[in-house]
């Protein structure tokens, strides 16, 4: 793992980008890392574009600002590719992960000339199959863990299960569905 990994999330209010960023910070913290996970809002309403951030490091994090040159970008809603310059500042040796069922060639056209790595995952398909409803944040969380390598997949799955058991103790069916979504997403990211 690199010294510090910075991730920027782009989503819409209500899609869980903020929750995913906070969950990633939580599970990384449980593995002994120093973390930051925080959102930035525009107009705070359902469907409005939001940005969230993660910093994960083996050492203390001394910077406290938005992330302007991320190592990785997660796009939870592909419609944002039309209105937000999601790859702005993205490091050339980094990667962007987009929630889409479209071919990479079609998505590449919307990345403002970004020449780094592009990964896609159909988070809608994964969440509908695993959860029965469209919650893109769980599959996107697994996808960025796989692409970024911020932690071992097995460790990630163990920590997520522990987190879900704590948060959803009275709803075991939620735990099972979310764990299935994570496992599927780790296999589906391309």
C-alpha atoms as a PDB file:
ATOM      1  CA  UNK A   1       0.000   0.000   0.000  1.00  0.00           C
ATOM      2  CA  UNK A   2       1.177   3.523  -0.707  1.00  0.00           C
ATOM      3  CA  UNK A   3       1.734   5.841   2.230  1.00  0.00           C
ATOM      4  CA  UNK A   4      -1.565   7.710   1.961  1.00  0.00           C
ATOM      5  CA  UNK A   5      -4.435   6.904  -0.379  1.00  0.00           C
ATOM      6  CA  UNK A   6      -6.932   9.632  -1.236  1.00  0.00           C
ATOM      7  CA  UNK A   7     -10.340   8.788  -2.706  1.00  0.00           C
ATOM      8  CA  UNK A   8     -13.012  11.159  -4.001  1.00  0.00           C
ATOM      9  CA  UNK A   9     -16.609   9.959  -4.330  1.00  0.00           C
ATOM     10  CA  UNK A  10     -19.166  11.525  -6.697  1.00  0.00           C
ATOM     11  CA  UNK A  11     -22.816  10.655  -6.233  1.00  0.00           C
ATOM     12  CA  UNK A  12     -26.253  12.097  -5.727  1.00  0.00           C
ATOM     13  CA  UNK A  13     -27.981  12.706  -2.427  1.00  0.00           C
ATOM     14  CA  UNK A  14     -29.691   9.523  -1.271  1.00  0.00           C
ATOM     15  CA  UNK A  15     -27.447   7.076  -3.167  1.00  0.00           C
ATOM     16  CA  UNK A  16     -25.191   6.393  -0.215  1.00  0.00           C
ATOM     17  CA  UNK A  17     -21.870   7.865  -1.401  1.00  0.00           C
ATOM     18  CA  UNK A  18     -21.411   9.595   1.957  1.00  0.00           C
ATOM     19  CA  UNK A  19     -22.334   6.413   3.824  1.00  0.00           C
ATOM     20  CA  UNK A  20     -19.914   4.357   1.724  1.00  0.00           C
ATOM     21  CA  UNK A  21     -17.072   6.820   2.400  1.00  0.00           C
ATOM     22  CA  UNK A  22     -17.802   6.697   6.131  1.00  0.00           C
ATOM     23  CA  UNK A  23     -18.004   2.881   6.099  1.00  0.00           C
ATOM     24  CA  UNK A  24     -14.667   2.668   4.287  1.00  0.00           C
ATOM     25  CA  UNK A  25     -13.117   4.952   6.901  1.00  0.00           C
ATOM     26  CA  UNK A  26     -14.616   2.832   9.676  1.00  0.00           C
ATOM     27  CA  UNK A  27     -13.347  -0.514   8.381  1.00  0.00           C
ATOM     28  CA  UNK A  28      -9.904   0.909   7.529  1.00  0.00           C
ATOM     29  CA  UNK A  29      -9.694   2.319  11.061  1.00  0.00           C
ATOM     30  CA  UNK A  30     -10.510  -1.129  12.448  1.00  0.00           C
ATOM     31  CA  UNK A  31      -7.423  -2.475  10.643  1.00  0.00           C
ATOM     32  CA  UNK A  32      -5.158   0.030  12.400  1.00  0.00           C
ATOM     33  CA  UNK A  33      -5.019   2.725   9.724  1.00  0.00           C
ATOM     34  CA  UNK A  34      -5.410   6.457  10.231  1.00  0.00           C
ATOM     35  CA  UNK A  35      -8.465   7.636   8.336  1.00  0.00           C
ATOM     36  CA  UNK A  36     -10.650  10.499   7.273  1.00  0.00           C
ATOM     37  CA  UNK A  37     -14.103  10.120   5.755  1.00  0.00           C
ATOM     38  CA  UNK A  38     -16.224  13.194   5.153  1.00  0.00           C
ATOM     39  CA  UNK A  39     -18.807  14.647   2.752  1.00  0.00           C
ATOM     40  CA  UNK A  40     -19.085  17.974   0.979  1.00  0.00           C
ATOM     41  CA  UNK A  41     -22.572  19.119   0.121  1.00  0.00           C
ATOM     42  CA  UNK A  42     -24.006  21.566  -2.342  1.00  0.00           C
ATOM     43  CA  UNK A  43     -27.747  22.076  -2.045  1.00  0.00           C
ATOM     44  CA  UNK A  44     -28.715  19.454   0.514  1.00  0.00           C
ATOM     45  CA  UNK A  45     -31.551  17.638  -1.185  1.00  0.00           C
ATOM     46  CA  UNK A  46     -32.289  14.216  -2.534  1.00  0.00           C
ATOM     47  CA  UNK A  47     -30.767  13.778  -5.984  1.00  0.00           C
ATOM     48  CA  UNK A  48     -28.405  16.765  -5.795  1.00  0.00           C
ATOM     49  CA  UNK A  49     -24.740  16.089  -6.593  1.00  0.00           C
ATOM     50  CA  UNK A  50     -22.582  15.389  -3.544  1.00  0.00           C
ATOM     51  CA  UNK A  51     -18.906  14.729  -3.075  1.00  0.00           C
ATOM     52  CA  UNK A  52     -17.382  12.649  -0.303  1.00  0.00           C
ATOM     53  CA  UNK A  53     -13.768  11.925   0.532  1.00  0.00           C
ATOM     54  CA  UNK A  54     -11.491   9.348   2.136  1.00  0.00           C
ATOM     55  CA  UNK A  55      -7.910   9.530   3.278  1.00  0.00           C
ATOM     56  CA  UNK A  56      -6.359   6.280   4.482  1.00  0.00           C
ATOM     57  CA  UNK A  57      -2.799   6.122   5.778  1.00  0.00           C
ATOM     58  CA  UNK A  58      -0.511   4.024   7.966  1.00  0.00           C
ATOM     59  CA  UNK A  59       0.724   7.320   9.480  1.00  0.00           C
ATOM     60  CA  UNK A  60      -1.059  10.241  11.135  1.00  0.00           C
ATOM     61  CA  UNK A  61      -2.909  12.421   8.647  1.00  0.00           C
ATOM     62  CA  UNK A  62      -2.046  16.065   9.075  1.00  0.00           C
ATOM     63  CA  UNK A  63      -3.960  17.571   6.157  1.00  0.00           C
ATOM     64  CA  UNK A  64      -7.578  18.639   6.708  1.00  0.00           C
ATOM     65  CA  UNK A  65      -9.065  19.791   3.419  1.00  0.00           C
ATOM     66  CA  UNK A  66     -11.014  18.518   0.466  1.00  0.00           C
ATOM     67  CA  UNK A  67      -9.088  16.249  -1.876  1.00  0.00           C
ATOM     68  CA  UNK A  68      -8.039  18.010  -5.063  1.00  0.00           C
ATOM     69  CA  UNK A  69      -5.619  15.414  -6.491  1.00  0.00           C
ATOM     70  CA  UNK A  70      -7.108  12.028  -5.592  1.00  0.00           C
ATOM     71  CA  UNK A  71      -5.515   8.665  -6.251  1.00  0.00           C
ATOM     72  CA  UNK A  72      -8.943   7.204  -7.021  1.00  0.00           C
ATOM     73  CA  UNK A  73     -12.373   8.493  -7.995  1.00  0.00           C
ATOM     74  CA  UNK A  74     -15.653   6.629  -7.500  1.00  0.00           C
ATOM     75  CA  UNK A  75     -18.642   7.669  -9.639  1.00  0.00           C
ATOM     76  CA  UNK A  76     -21.786   6.272  -8.029  1.00  0.00           C
ATOM     77  CA  UNK A  77     -24.141   7.823 -10.630  1.00  0.00           C
ATOM     78  CA  UNK A  78     -22.985   7.777 -14.253  1.00  0.00           C
ATOM     79  CA  UNK A  79     -25.293  10.712 -15.134  1.00  0.00           C
ATOM     80  CA  UNK A  80     -22.799  12.911 -13.273  1.00  0.00           C
ATOM     81  CA  UNK A  81     -20.334  12.291 -16.107  1.00  0.00           C
ATOM     82  CA  UNK A  82     -22.428  14.750 -18.143  1.00  0.00           C
ATOM     83  CA  UNK A  83     -22.257  17.591 -15.604  1.00  0.00           C
ATOM     84  CA  UNK A  84     -19.284  17.079 -13.268  1.00  0.00           C
ATOM     85  CA  UNK A  85     -15.617  16.907 -14.277  1.00  0.00           C
ATOM     86  CA  UNK A  86     -15.101  13.775 -12.176  1.00  0.00           C
ATOM     87  CA  UNK A  87     -11.494  13.184 -13.247  1.00  0.00           C
ATOM     88  CA  UNK A  88     -10.333  16.701 -12.397  1.00  0.00           C
ATOM     89  CA  UNK A  89      -7.017  16.407 -10.544  1.00  0.00           C
ATOM     90  CA  UNK A  90      -7.083  12.596 -10.684  1.00  0.00           C
ATOM     91  CA  UNK A  91      -3.537  11.257 -10.683  1.00  0.00           C
ATOM     92  CA  UNK A  92      -2.457   9.572 -13.923  1.00  0.00           C
ATOM     93  CA  UNK A  93      -1.387   6.446 -12.031  1.00  0.00           C
ATOM     94  CA  UNK A  94      -4.726   6.323 -10.227  1.00  0.00           C
ATOM     95  CA  UNK A  95      -8.058   5.044 -11.457  1.00  0.00           C
ATOM     96  CA  UNK A  96     -11.708   5.902 -11.804  1.00  0.00           C
ATOM     97  CA  UNK A  97     -14.482   3.414 -10.958  1.00  0.00           C
ATOM     98  CA  UNK A  98     -17.860   4.069 -12.608  1.00  0.00           C
ATOM     99  CA  UNK A  99     -21.236   2.510 -11.840  1.00  0.00           C
ATOM    100  CA  UNK A 100     -22.509   1.639 -15.317  1.00  0.00           C
ATOM    101  CA  UNK A 101     -23.689  -1.161 -17.557  1.00  0.00           C
ATOM    102  CA  UNK A 102     -22.177   0.561 -20.603  1.00  0.00           C
ATOM    103  CA  UNK A 103     -18.932  -0.483 -22.309  1.00  0.00           C
ATOM    104  CA  UNK A 104     -15.739   1.256 -21.175  1.00  0.00           C
ATOM    105  CA  UNK A 105     -15.302   2.878 -24.598  1.00  0.00           C
ATOM    106  CA  UNK A 106     -18.576   4.741 -24.156  1.00  0.00           C
ATOM    107  CA  UNK A 107     -17.673   5.906 -20.641  1.00  0.00           C
ATOM    108  CA  UNK A 108     -14.145   6.951 -21.677  1.00  0.00           C
ATOM    109  CA  UNK A 109     -15.659   9.647 -23.950  1.00  0.00           C
ATOM    110  CA  UNK A 110     -16.988  11.434 -20.852  1.00  0.00           C
ATOM    111  CA  UNK A 111     -13.737  11.482 -18.863  1.00  0.00           C
ATOM    112  CA  UNK A 112     -12.337  14.770 -20.187  1.00  0.00           C
ATOM    113  CA  UNK A 113      -9.309  13.120 -21.825  1.00  0.00           C
ATOM    114  CA  UNK A 114      -8.282  11.158 -18.727  1.00  0.00           C
ATOM    115  CA  UNK A 115      -5.848   8.452 -19.835  1.00  0.00           C
ATOM    116  CA  UNK A 116      -5.486   6.506 -16.590  1.00  0.00           C
ATOM    117  CA  UNK A 117      -7.208   3.285 -15.607  1.00  0.00           C
ATOM    118  CA  UNK A 118     -10.974   2.971 -15.903  1.00  0.00           C
ATOM    119  CA  UNK A 119     -12.976   0.304 -14.092  1.00  0.00           C
ATOM    120  CA  UNK A 120     -16.703  -0.301 -14.358  1.00  0.00           C
ATOM    121  CA  UNK A 121     -19.259  -2.221 -12.368  1.00  0.00           C
ATOM    122  CA  UNK A 122     -23.001  -2.560 -12.824  1.00  0.00           C
ATOM    123  CA  UNK A 123     -23.891  -1.745  -9.221  1.00  0.00           C
ATOM    124  CA  UNK A 124     -27.588  -1.683 -10.092  1.00  0.00           C
ATOM    125  CA  UNK A 125     -27.504  -5.303 -11.262  1.00  0.00           C
ATOM    126  CA  UNK A 126     -25.500  -6.387  -8.220  1.00  0.00           C
ATOM    127  CA  UNK A 127     -27.691  -4.600  -5.679  1.00  0.00           C
ATOM    128  CA  UNK A 128     -30.970  -5.732  -7.254  1.00  0.00           C
ATOM    129  CA  UNK A 129     -29.781  -9.338  -7.280  1.00  0.00           C
ATOM    130  CA  UNK A 130     -28.299  -9.290  -3.773  1.00  0.00           C
ATOM    131  CA  UNK A 131     -30.616  -6.859  -1.988  1.00  0.00           C
ATOM    132  CA  UNK A 132     -33.793  -6.784  -4.076  1.00  0.00           C
ATOM    133  CA  UNK A 133     -33.547  -2.956  -4.245  1.00  0.00           C
ATOM    134  CA  UNK A 134     -31.228  -0.427  -5.800  1.00  0.00           C
ATOM    135  CA  UNK A 135     -28.560   0.588  -3.267  1.00  0.00           C
ATOM    136  CA  UNK A 136     -25.414   1.346  -5.314  1.00  0.00           C
ATOM    137  CA  UNK A 137     -23.180   2.259  -2.384  1.00  0.00           C
ATOM    138  CA  UNK A 138     -22.487  -1.290  -1.160  1.00  0.00           C
ATOM    139  CA  UNK A 139     -21.236  -2.607  -4.535  1.00  0.00           C
ATOM    140  CA  UNK A 140     -19.270   0.603  -5.174  1.00  0.00           C
ATOM    141  CA  UNK A 141     -17.594   0.285  -1.778  1.00  0.00           C
ATOM    142  CA  UNK A 142     -16.373  -3.230  -2.606  1.00  0.00           C
ATOM    143  CA  UNK A 143     -15.291  -2.098  -6.083  1.00  0.00           C
ATOM    144  CA  UNK A 144     -13.066   0.707  -4.769  1.00  0.00           C
ATOM    145  CA  UNK A 145     -11.496  -1.577  -2.173  1.00  0.00           C
ATOM    146  CA  UNK A 146     -10.606  -4.046  -4.937  1.00  0.00           C
ATOM    147  CA  UNK A 147      -9.303  -1.384  -7.345  1.00  0.00           C
ATOM    148  CA  UNK A 148      -7.392   0.678  -4.767  1.00  0.00           C
ATOM    149  CA  UNK A 149      -5.953  -2.184  -2.733  1.00  0.00           C
ATOM    150  CA  UNK A 150      -6.346  -0.141   0.475  1.00  0.00           C
ATOM    151  CA  UNK A 151      -6.800  -3.423   2.340  1.00  0.00           C
ATOM    152  CA  UNK A 152      -6.882  -7.135   1.681  1.00  0.00           C
ATOM    153  CA  UNK A 153     -10.262  -8.310   0.384  1.00  0.00           C
ATOM    154  CA  UNK A 154     -10.581 -10.953   3.102  1.00  0.00           C
ATOM    155  CA  UNK A 155      -9.896  -8.384   5.831  1.00  0.00           C
ATOM    156  CA  UNK A 156     -12.393  -6.004   4.216  1.00  0.00           C
ATOM    157  CA  UNK A 157     -15.094  -8.685   4.168  1.00  0.00           C
ATOM    158  CA  UNK A 158     -14.467  -9.641   7.806  1.00  0.00           C
ATOM    159  CA  UNK A 159     -14.566  -6.015   8.966  1.00  0.00           C
ATOM    160  CA  UNK A 160     -17.690  -5.261   6.926  1.00  0.00           C
ATOM    161  CA  UNK A 161     -19.488  -8.275   8.361  1.00  0.00           C
ATOM    162  CA  UNK A 162     -18.553  -7.160  11.860  1.00  0.00           C
ATOM    163  CA  UNK A 163     -19.767  -3.628  11.109  1.00  0.00           C
ATOM    164  CA  UNK A 164     -23.057  -4.874   9.622  1.00  0.00           C
ATOM    165  CA  UNK A 165     -23.654  -7.193  12.602  1.00  0.00           C
ATOM    166  CA  UNK A 166     -23.273  -4.238  14.923  1.00  0.00           C
ATOM    167  CA  UNK A 167     -25.419  -1.830  12.891  1.00  0.00           C
ATOM    168  CA  UNK A 168     -28.128  -4.294  11.851  1.00  0.00           C
ATOM    169  CA  UNK A 169     -28.261  -6.639  14.839  1.00  0.00           C
ATOM    170  CA  UNK A 170     -32.061  -6.781  14.692  1.00  0.00           C
ATOM    171  CA  UNK A 171     -32.173  -7.255  10.896  1.00  0.00           C
ATOM    172  CA  UNK A 172     -30.086 -10.321   9.966  1.00  0.00           C
ATOM    173  CA  UNK A 173     -31.569 -10.378   6.445  1.00  0.00           C
ATOM    174  CA  UNK A 174     -29.951  -6.977   5.794  1.00  0.00           C
ATOM    175  CA  UNK A 175     -26.561  -8.373   6.818  1.00  0.00           C
ATOM    176  CA  UNK A 176     -26.872 -11.355   4.498  1.00  0.00           C
ATOM    177  CA  UNK A 177     -27.951  -9.243   1.500  1.00  0.00           C
ATOM    178  CA  UNK A 178     -25.196  -6.677   1.978  1.00  0.00           C
ATOM    179  CA  UNK A 179     -22.516  -9.345   2.364  1.00  0.00           C
ATOM    180  CA  UNK A 180     -23.761 -10.998  -0.836  1.00  0.00           C
ATOM    181  CA  UNK A 181     -23.614  -7.612  -2.623  1.00  0.00           C
ATOM    182  CA  UNK A 182     -20.017  -7.078  -1.455  1.00  0.00           C
ATOM    183  CA  UNK A 183     -18.924 -10.552  -2.616  1.00  0.00           C
ATOM    184  CA  UNK A 184     -20.607 -10.147  -5.997  1.00  0.00           C
ATOM    185  CA  UNK A 185     -19.115  -6.687  -6.508  1.00  0.00           C
ATOM    186  CA  UNK A 186     -15.582  -7.912  -5.803  1.00  0.00           C
ATOM    187  CA  UNK A 187     -16.068 -10.376  -8.681  1.00  0.00           C
ATOM    188  CA  UNK A 188     -17.971  -8.052 -11.042  1.00  0.00           C
ATOM    189  CA  UNK A 189     -15.673  -5.015 -11.168  1.00  0.00           C
ATOM    190  CA  UNK A 190     -13.981  -4.837 -14.580  1.00  0.00           C
END
